[in-house]
Amino acid sequence: MSAPPAPQPRRRRPRAAALGPAAPGVAADARRADRSIVVVGAVVLLVGFGLVMWAIADVVLLVFAGMLLAIFLRGFTDALRRATGLPDMVAFVAVVLALLALLALGGLFLGAEAATQFEQLGPRTREAWDKMLAAINSYEWGRALLNERNLRAMMPENQEWLTQLGGLFSTTVGAIGGFLIVVFIGLYGAADPGTYQRGFLALFPRGNRERASEVMDEVGHTLRWWLIGTFVKMTVVGVSVSIGLWLLGMPLALALGLIAFVLDFVPYIGPALAAFPALLVALAMSPTDALYVGLLYLGVQAAENYIVSPLVDLRSVDLPPALAIAAQVLLGALLGALGVVFATPLAATGMVLVRTLYVEPDEPAGSPAPAEGGAAAGERA
């Protein structure tokens, strides 16, 4: 009796053949899923980076302030080097020594008078504040307002309220430590900018370094002329306010002019804050003097906005007022006083980055580049 035949092994069909060809929709869904993962990962990284930057925002802003100082010093150094043919380091040392000599002369001729006026500013503004509250309290609606809002609680009881305000401001900006950080970053950055620029460009792939260098040059050029223009406007405002108050016979004209000079670094908000102590001092004398002082500040700001600013902004970014104020409010809410101070240069930097990295690459090759700052868009100092 013969043995039964051995069973033949079953042949398995390939999985692809068994399942049939993949549907086009499945492949599209897979690609969309991959893109979604990439987008989610990028968002997570950006959010994490934003949280880290927010946590160290004060340090970042101080570093940015040091970079602004370096750009400011470098602008004068390059101008002196081109005009005289001096070596780069010699021109830089000459610029620093000239600025120190200018500060020393200012302190020698105006330091004592300015210190005396600032010492008198506190009691005078306190006296004016008390007179204003007394005048308001003489009316029935004024007494209701003072009782409901408790405006007196807004002011310290002692006579050192202005000193406390100055101490609060100094603490906000980092006091002496922050000032030294800014100065050292500015000096080292202006003395040898090539070293730091090459180190920053090394973070980019080789194929993108040339474009990154062009963008850095564009940002540096814009901030340089923004700083020069801002310094010119600050000087015009400070001198005009001091002379105007002196002609009006107002006391403390030099101190109030210096306050207007410093606070004009912050557009729109700074001039309003600078006018407040001047109006208080004038109000302590008479309402008519306060009216004249208010008209003086309005006239100076009108001249700055409609005469000086259009001239100096030809070489830099002309920020729309709404954008500048929005940047100040947003960064002030997020970062505090330092955010308000540096909102305008940060907004100018953002505008340059958007234009160079987003707007210009999408334009047709034959279309002309948008004019930025008038005829000086293609010109570099």
Foldseek 3Di string as FASTA:
>chain_A
DDDDDDDDDDDDDDPCVVVDDDDPVVVVVVVVVVVVVVVVVVVVVVVVVVVVCLVCVLVVLLLVLLVLLQLQLLVQLVVVCVVPVDDSLVSSVVSVVVVVVVVVVCCVVCVVVLVVLVVVLQQLLVLLVVVVLVVLCVDPVSVVVCVVVVVVVVADPDSCRVVVVVVVVCVLNPHPVSVVSSNVSNSVCNNCVPVVLVVVLVVDPPVCSVLVVVLVQLLSQQSNLVVVLLLVLLVLQLVQQLVQCVVLVFPSSNNLSVQSSVQSLQPPVSLVVSLVSVLSSQVSVPVVSSVSSVVSSVVSVVCCVPPSCLVSQLRHADDDPVQSVVQLVVLCVSPNPSSSSCSVSVVRSVVSCCQSPPVVVPDDPPDDRDDGSPPCRVPGD
